[in-house]
């Protein structure tokens, strides 16, 4: 989280955080982290997340089914 406070558009940090939340069985926070990533990238650069980030999000979404 400290890294994201300094660099709010560093996608690697978002993915690390998403995985960490999933390892703690905290799917809602993992999903919220993705949403924060999407918002930060849209605001700063008007771009979508990288395919790796979106793939991780989809994996997390599927884990809830």
PDB file of N, CA and C in Angstrom:
ATOM      1  N   UNK A   1       0.821  -1.190   0.000  1.00  0.00           N
ATOM      2  CA  UNK A   1       0.000   0.000   0.000  1.00  0.00           C
ATOM      3  C   UNK A   1       0.865   1.252   0.000  1.00  0.00           C
ATOM      4  N   UNK A   2       2.012   1.187   0.656  1.00  0.00           N
ATOM      5  CA  UNK A   2       2.912   2.343   0.668  1.00  0.00           C
ATOM      6  C   UNK A   2       3.392   2.677  -0.730  1.00  0.00           C
ATOM      7  N   UNK A   3       3.677   1.635  -1.498  1.00  0.00           N
ATOM      8  CA  UNK A   3       4.138   1.855  -2.867  1.00  0.00           C
ATOM      9  C   UNK A   3       3.063   2.572  -3.667  1.00  0.00           C
ATOM     10  N   UNK A   4       1.826   2.149  -3.512  1.00  0.00           N
ATOM     11  CA  UNK A   4       0.733   2.766  -4.264  1.00  0.00           C
ATOM     12  C   UNK A   4       0.473   4.197  -3.816  1.00  0.00           C
ATOM     13  N   UNK A   5       0.817   4.528  -2.591  1.00  0.00           N
ATOM     14  CA  UNK A   5       0.685   5.908  -2.133  1.00  0.00           C
ATOM     15  C   UNK A   5       1.693   6.800  -2.856  1.00  0.00           C
ATOM     16  N   UNK A   6       2.849   6.236  -3.179  1.00  0.00           N
ATOM     17  CA  UNK A   6       3.888   6.994  -3.878  1.00  0.00           C
ATOM     18  C   UNK A   6       3.646   6.991  -5.384  1.00  0.00           C
ATOM     19  N   UNK A   7       3.286   5.833  -5.915  1.00  0.00           N
ATOM     20  CA  UNK A   7       3.073   5.677  -7.357  1.00  0.00           C
ATOM     21  C   UNK A   7       1.741   4.972  -7.593  1.00  0.00           C
ATOM     22  N   UNK A   8       0.651   5.735  -7.670  1.00  0.00           N
ATOM     23  CA  UNK A   8      -0.686   5.134  -7.743  1.00  0.00           C
ATOM     24  C   UNK A   8      -1.032   4.452  -9.068  1.00  0.00           C
ATOM     25  N   UNK A   9      -0.110   4.420 -10.015  1.00  0.00           N
ATOM     26  CA  UNK A   9      -0.398   3.753 -11.289  1.00  0.00           C
ATOM     27  C   UNK A   9       0.569   2.603 -11.579  1.00  0.00           C
ATOM     28  N   UNK A  10       1.254   2.113 -10.567  1.00  0.00           N
ATOM     29  CA  UNK A  10       2.181   0.994 -10.741  1.00  0.00           C
ATOM     30  C   UNK A  10       1.396  -0.308 -10.651  1.00  0.00           C
ATOM     31  N   UNK A  11       1.099  -0.879 -11.804  1.00  0.00           N
ATOM     32  CA  UNK A  11       0.227  -2.057 -11.848  1.00  0.00           C
ATOM     33  C   UNK A  11       0.804  -3.273 -11.147  1.00  0.00           C
ATOM     34  N   UNK A  12       2.105  -3.449 -11.188  1.00  0.00           N
ATOM     35  CA  UNK A  12       2.702  -4.589 -10.482  1.00  0.00           C
ATOM     36  C   UNK A  12       2.306  -4.575  -9.013  1.00  0.00           C
ATOM     37  N   UNK A  13       2.316  -3.401  -8.422  1.00  0.00           N
ATOM     38  CA  UNK A  13       1.970  -3.282  -7.000  1.00  0.00           C
ATOM     39  C   UNK A  13       0.507  -3.650  -6.766  1.00  0.00           C
ATOM     40  N   UNK A  14      -0.363  -3.268  -7.678  1.00  0.00           N
ATOM     41  CA  UNK A  14      -1.773  -3.658  -7.549  1.00  0.00           C
ATOM     42  C   UNK A  14      -1.918  -5.177  -7.620  1.00  0.00           C
ATOM     43  N   UNK A  15      -1.211  -5.808  -8.554  1.00  0.00           N
ATOM     44  CA  UNK A  15      -1.314  -7.264  -8.676  1.00  0.00           C
ATOM     45  C   UNK A  15      -0.782  -7.964  -7.431  1.00  0.00           C
ATOM     46  N   UNK A  16       0.322  -7.475  -6.894  1.00  0.00           N
ATOM     47  CA  UNK A  16       0.863  -8.050  -5.658  1.00  0.00           C
ATOM     48  C   UNK A  16      -0.171  -7.933  -4.542  1.00  0.00           C
ATOM     49  N   UNK A  17      -0.787  -6.770  -4.448  1.00  0.00           N
ATOM     50  CA  UNK A  17      -1.775  -6.557  -3.395  1.00  0.00           C
ATOM     51  C   UNK A  17      -3.005  -7.446  -3.606  1.00  0.00           C
ATOM     52  N   UNK A  18      -3.439  -7.594  -4.844  1.00  0.00           N
ATOM     53  CA  UNK A  18      -4.582  -8.461  -5.130  1.00  0.00           C
ATOM     54  C   UNK A  18      -4.282  -9.905  -4.718  1.00  0.00           C
ATOM     55  N   UNK A  19      -3.082 -10.376  -5.057  1.00  0.00           N
ATOM     56  CA  UNK A  19      -2.699 -11.744  -4.672  1.00  0.00           C
ATOM     57  C   UNK A  19      -2.611 -11.886  -3.156  1.00  0.00           C
ATOM     58  N   UNK A  20      -2.085 -10.868  -2.507  1.00  0.00           N
ATOM     59  CA  UNK A  20      -1.964 -10.909  -1.043  1.00  0.00           C
ATOM     60  C   UNK A  20      -3.342 -11.004  -0.396  1.00  0.00           C
ATOM     61  N   UNK A  21      -4.283 -10.206  -0.876  1.00  0.00           N
ATOM     62  CA  UNK A  21      -5.637 -10.271  -0.320  1.00  0.00           C
ATOM     63  C   UNK A  21      -6.262 -11.643  -0.563  1.00  0.00           C
ATOM     64  N   UNK A  22      -6.027 -12.218  -1.732  1.00  0.00           N
ATOM     65  CA  UNK A  22      -6.580 -13.547  -2.006  1.00  0.00           C
ATOM     66  C   UNK A  22      -5.943 -14.602  -1.110  1.00  0.00           C
ATOM     67  N   UNK A  23      -4.661 -14.460  -0.826  1.00  0.00           N
ATOM     68  CA  UNK A  23      -4.009 -15.436   0.059  1.00  0.00           C
ATOM     69  C   UNK A  23      -4.553 -15.343   1.481  1.00  0.00           C
ATOM     70  N   UNK A  24      -5.139 -14.186   1.806  1.00  0.00           N
ATOM     71  CA  UNK A  24      -5.767 -13.987   3.113  1.00  0.00           C
ATOM     72  C   UNK A  24      -7.267 -14.290   3.057  1.00  0.00           C
ATOM     73  N   UNK A  25      -7.707 -14.867   1.945  1.00  0.00           N
ATOM     74  CA  UNK A  25      -9.125 -15.182   1.745  1.00  0.00           C
ATOM     75  C   UNK A  25      -9.998 -13.930   1.765  1.00  0.00           C
ATOM     76  N   UNK A  26      -9.457 -12.827   1.285  1.00  0.00           N
ATOM     77  CA  UNK A  26     -10.199 -11.571   1.292  1.00  0.00           C
ATOM     78  C   UNK A  26     -10.494 -11.146  -0.150  1.00  0.00           C
ATOM     79  N   UNK A  27     -11.398 -11.873  -0.769  1.00  0.00           N
ATOM     80  CA  UNK A  27     -11.777 -11.607  -2.155  1.00  0.00           C
ATOM     81  C   UNK A  27     -12.338 -10.200  -2.355  1.00  0.00           C
ATOM     82  N   UNK A  28     -13.206  -9.702  -1.460  1.00  0.00           N
ATOM     83  CA  UNK A  28     -13.736  -8.350  -1.670  1.00  0.00           C
ATOM     84  C   UNK A  28     -12.644  -7.275  -1.768  1.00  0.00           C
ATOM     85  N   UNK A  29     -11.630  -7.357  -0.929  1.00  0.00           N
ATOM     86  CA  UNK A  29     -10.556  -6.359  -1.009  1.00  0.00           C
ATOM     87  C   UNK A  29      -9.699  -6.553  -2.254  1.00  0.00           C
ATOM     88  N   UNK A  30      -9.539  -7.780  -2.692  1.00  0.00           N
ATOM     89  CA  UNK A  30      -8.801  -8.029  -3.932  1.00  0.00           C
ATOM     90  C   UNK A  30      -9.533  -7.386  -5.110  1.00  0.00           C
ATOM     91  N   UNK A  31     -10.843  -7.542  -5.141  1.00  0.00           N
ATOM     92  CA  UNK A  31     -11.640  -6.939  -6.214  1.00  0.00           C
ATOM     93  C   UNK A  31     -11.638  -5.420  -6.125  1.00  0.00           C
ATOM     94  N   UNK A  32     -11.709  -4.903  -4.926  1.00  0.00           N
ATOM     95  CA  UNK A  32     -11.672  -3.455  -4.731  1.00  0.00           C
ATOM     96  C   UNK A  32     -10.325  -2.880  -5.188  1.00  0.00           C
ATOM     97  N   UNK A  33      -9.267  -3.637  -4.968  1.00  0.00           N
ATOM     98  CA  UNK A  33      -7.942  -3.205  -5.408  1.00  0.00           C
ATOM     99  C   UNK A  33      -7.905  -3.078  -6.925  1.00  0.00           C
ATOM    100  N   UNK A  34      -8.494  -4.022  -7.618  1.00  0.00           N
ATOM    101  CA  UNK A  34      -8.567  -3.938  -9.080  1.00  0.00           C
ATOM    102  C   UNK A  34      -9.347  -2.689  -9.499  1.00  0.00           C
ATOM    103  N   UNK A  35     -10.441  -2.426  -8.848  1.00  0.00           N
ATOM    104  CA  UNK A  35     -11.245  -1.249  -9.179  1.00  0.00           C
ATOM    105  C   UNK A  35     -10.448   0.036  -8.972  1.00  0.00           C
ATOM    106  N   UNK A  36      -9.645   0.080  -7.906  1.00  0.00           N
ATOM    107  CA  UNK A  36      -8.787   1.245  -7.663  1.00  0.00           C
ATOM    108  C   UNK A  36      -7.748   1.389  -8.772  1.00  0.00           C
ATOM    109  N   UNK A  37      -7.213   0.266  -9.217  1.00  0.00           N
ATOM    110  CA  UNK A  37      -6.240   0.265 -10.303  1.00  0.00           C
ATOM    111  C   UNK A  37      -6.859   0.831 -11.579  1.00  0.00           C
ATOM    112  N   UNK A  38      -8.025   0.338 -11.927  1.00  0.00           N
ATOM    113  CA  UNK A  38      -8.727   0.805 -13.127  1.00  0.00           C
ATOM    114  C   UNK A  38      -8.961   2.313 -13.045  1.00  0.00           C
ATOM    115  N   UNK A  39      -9.429   2.783 -11.907  1.00  0.00           N
ATOM    116  CA  UNK A  39      -9.710   4.208 -11.735  1.00  0.00           C
ATOM    117  C   UNK A  39      -8.439   5.047 -11.844  1.00  0.00           C
ATOM    118  N   UNK A  40      -7.356   4.595 -11.227  1.00  0.00           N
ATOM    119  CA  UNK A  40      -6.100   5.350 -11.262  1.00  0.00           C
ATOM    120  C   UNK A  40      -5.551   5.441 -12.682  1.00  0.00           C
ATOM    121  N   UNK A  41      -5.581   4.335 -13.402  1.00  0.00           N
ATOM    122  CA  UNK A  41      -5.073   4.337 -14.777  1.00  0.00           C
ATOM    123  C   UNK A  41      -5.931   5.207 -15.691  1.00  0.00           C
ATOM    124  N   UNK A  42      -7.232   5.159 -15.492  1.00  0.00           N
ATOM    125  CA  UNK A  42      -8.132   5.982 -16.302  1.00  0.00           C
ATOM    126  C   UNK A  42      -7.903   7.461 -16.026  1.00  0.00           C
ATOM    127  N   UNK A  43      -7.747   7.795 -14.759  1.00  0.00           N
ATOM    128  CA  UNK A  43      -7.563   9.197 -14.386  1.00  0.00           C
ATOM    129  C   UNK A  43      -6.221   9.745 -14.874  1.00  0.00           C
ATOM    130  N   UNK A  44      -5.159   8.975 -14.693  1.00  0.00           N
ATOM    131  CA  UNK A  44      -3.815   9.453 -15.032  1.00  0.00           C
ATOM    132  C   UNK A  44      -3.502   9.384 -16.525  1.00  0.00           C
ATOM    133  N   UNK A  45      -3.884   8.283 -17.170  1.00  0.00           N
ATOM    134  CA  UNK A  45      -3.446   8.045 -18.544  1.00  0.00           C
ATOM    135  C   UNK A  45      -4.561   7.731 -19.533  1.00  0.00           C
ATOM    136  N   UNK A  46      -5.790   7.578 -19.039  1.00  0.00           N
ATOM    137  CA  UNK A  46      -6.922   7.207 -19.886  1.00  0.00           C
ATOM    138  C   UNK A  46      -6.644   5.901 -20.642  1.00  0.00           C
ATOM    139  N   UNK A  47      -6.118   4.910 -19.896  1.00  0.00           N
ATOM    140  CA  UNK A  47      -5.830   3.595 -20.477  1.00  0.00           C
ATOM    141  C   UNK A  47      -6.420   2.509 -19.583  1.00  0.00           C
ATOM    142  N   UNK A  48      -6.703   1.343 -20.162  1.00  0.00           N
ATOM    143  CA  UNK A  48      -7.170   0.212 -19.345  1.00  0.00           C
ATOM    144  C   UNK A  48      -5.983  -0.488 -18.689  1.00  0.00           C
ATOM    145  N   UNK A  49      -6.245  -1.368 -17.751  1.00  0.00           N
ATOM    146  CA  UNK A  49      -5.168  -2.153 -17.140  1.00  0.00           C
ATOM    147  C   UNK A  49      -4.504  -3.072 -18.173  1.00  0.00           C
ATOM    148  N   UNK A  50      -3.306  -3.503 -17.846  1.00  0.00           N
ATOM    149  CA  UNK A  50      -2.597  -4.464 -18.689  1.00  0.00           C
ATOM    150  C   UNK A  50      -3.344  -5.798 -18.710  1.00  0.00           C
ATOM    151  N   UNK A  51      -3.140  -6.595 -19.756  1.00  0.00           N
ATOM    152  CA  UNK A  51      -3.801  -7.902 -19.824  1.00  0.00           C
ATOM    153  C   UNK A  51      -3.529  -8.782 -18.602  1.00  0.00           C
ATOM    154  N   UNK A  52      -2.320  -8.710 -18.037  1.00  0.00           N
ATOM    155  CA  UNK A  52      -1.997  -9.523 -16.860  1.00  0.00           C
ATOM    156  C   UNK A  52      -2.877  -9.145 -15.671  1.00  0.00           C
ATOM    157  N   UNK A  53      -3.131  -7.856 -15.531  1.00  0.00           N
ATOM    158  CA  UNK A  53      -3.948  -7.384 -14.416  1.00  0.00           C
ATOM    159  C   UNK A  53      -5.396  -7.821 -14.605  1.00  0.00           C
ATOM    160  N   UNK A  54      -5.886  -7.684 -15.820  1.00  0.00           N
ATOM    161  CA  UNK A  54      -7.254  -8.094 -16.116  1.00  0.00           C
ATOM    162  C   UNK A  54      -7.415  -9.607 -15.972  1.00  0.00           C
ATOM    163  N   UNK A  55      -6.404 -10.365 -16.376  1.00  0.00           N
ATOM    164  CA  UNK A  55      -6.463 -11.824 -16.230  1.00  0.00           C
ATOM    165  C   UNK A  55      -6.531 -12.219 -14.758  1.00  0.00           C
ATOM    166  N   UNK A  56      -5.761 -11.549 -13.920  1.00  0.00           N
ATOM    167  CA  UNK A  56      -5.803 -11.837 -12.488  1.00  0.00           C
ATOM    168  C   UNK A  56      -7.182 -11.495 -11.923  1.00  0.00           C
ATOM    169  N   UNK A  57      -7.740 -10.375 -12.338  1.00  0.00           N
ATOM    170  CA  UNK A  57      -9.082  -9.981 -11.905  1.00  0.00           C
ATOM    171  C   UNK A  57     -10.104 -11.057 -12.288  1.00  0.00           C
ATOM    172  N   UNK A  58     -10.022 -11.538 -13.521  1.00  0.00           N
ATOM    173  CA  UNK A  58     -10.966 -12.574 -13.972  1.00  0.00           C
ATOM    174  C   UNK A  58     -10.807 -13.860 -13.167  1.00  0.00           C
ATOM    175  N   UNK A  59      -9.570 -14.193 -12.838  1.00  0.00           N
ATOM    176  CA  UNK A  59      -9.312 -15.379 -12.020  1.00  0.00           C
ATOM    177  C   UNK A  59      -9.945 -15.217 -10.639  1.00  0.00           C
ATOM    178  N   UNK A  60      -9.822 -14.024 -10.079  1.00  0.00           N
ATOM    179  CA  UNK A  60     -10.412 -13.753  -8.763  1.00  0.00           C
ATOM    180  C   UNK A  60     -11.934 -13.799  -8.851  1.00  0.00           C
ATOM    181  N   UNK A  61     -12.488 -13.232  -9.919  1.00  0.00           N
ATOM    182  CA  UNK A  61     -13.940 -13.280 -10.108  1.00  0.00           C
ATOM    183  C   UNK A  61     -14.413 -14.725 -10.205  1.00  0.00           C
ATOM    184  N   UNK A  62     -13.693 -15.542 -10.945  1.00  0.00           N
ATOM    185  CA  UNK A  62     -14.079 -16.945 -11.116  1.00  0.00           C
ATOM    186  C   UNK A  62     -13.976 -17.714  -9.805  1.00  0.00           C
ATOM    187  N   UNK A  63     -13.094 -17.290  -8.935  1.00  0.00           N
ATOM    188  CA  UNK A  63     -12.926 -17.968  -7.645  1.00  0.00           C
ATOM    189  C   UNK A  63     -14.162 -17.821  -6.768  1.00  0.00           C
ATOM    190  N   UNK A  64     -14.990 -16.845  -7.067  1.00  0.00           N
ATOM    191  CA  UNK A  64     -16.195 -16.637  -6.277  1.00  0.00           C
ATOM    192  C   UNK A  64     -17.387 -17.433  -6.764  1.00  0.00           C
ATOM    193  N   UNK A  65     -17.242 -18.061  -7.916  1.00  0.00           N
ATOM    194  CA  UNK A  65     -18.357 -18.836  -8.483  1.00  0.00           C
ATOM    195  C   UNK A  65     -18.458 -20.208  -7.874  1.00  0.00           C
TER     196      UNK A  65
END
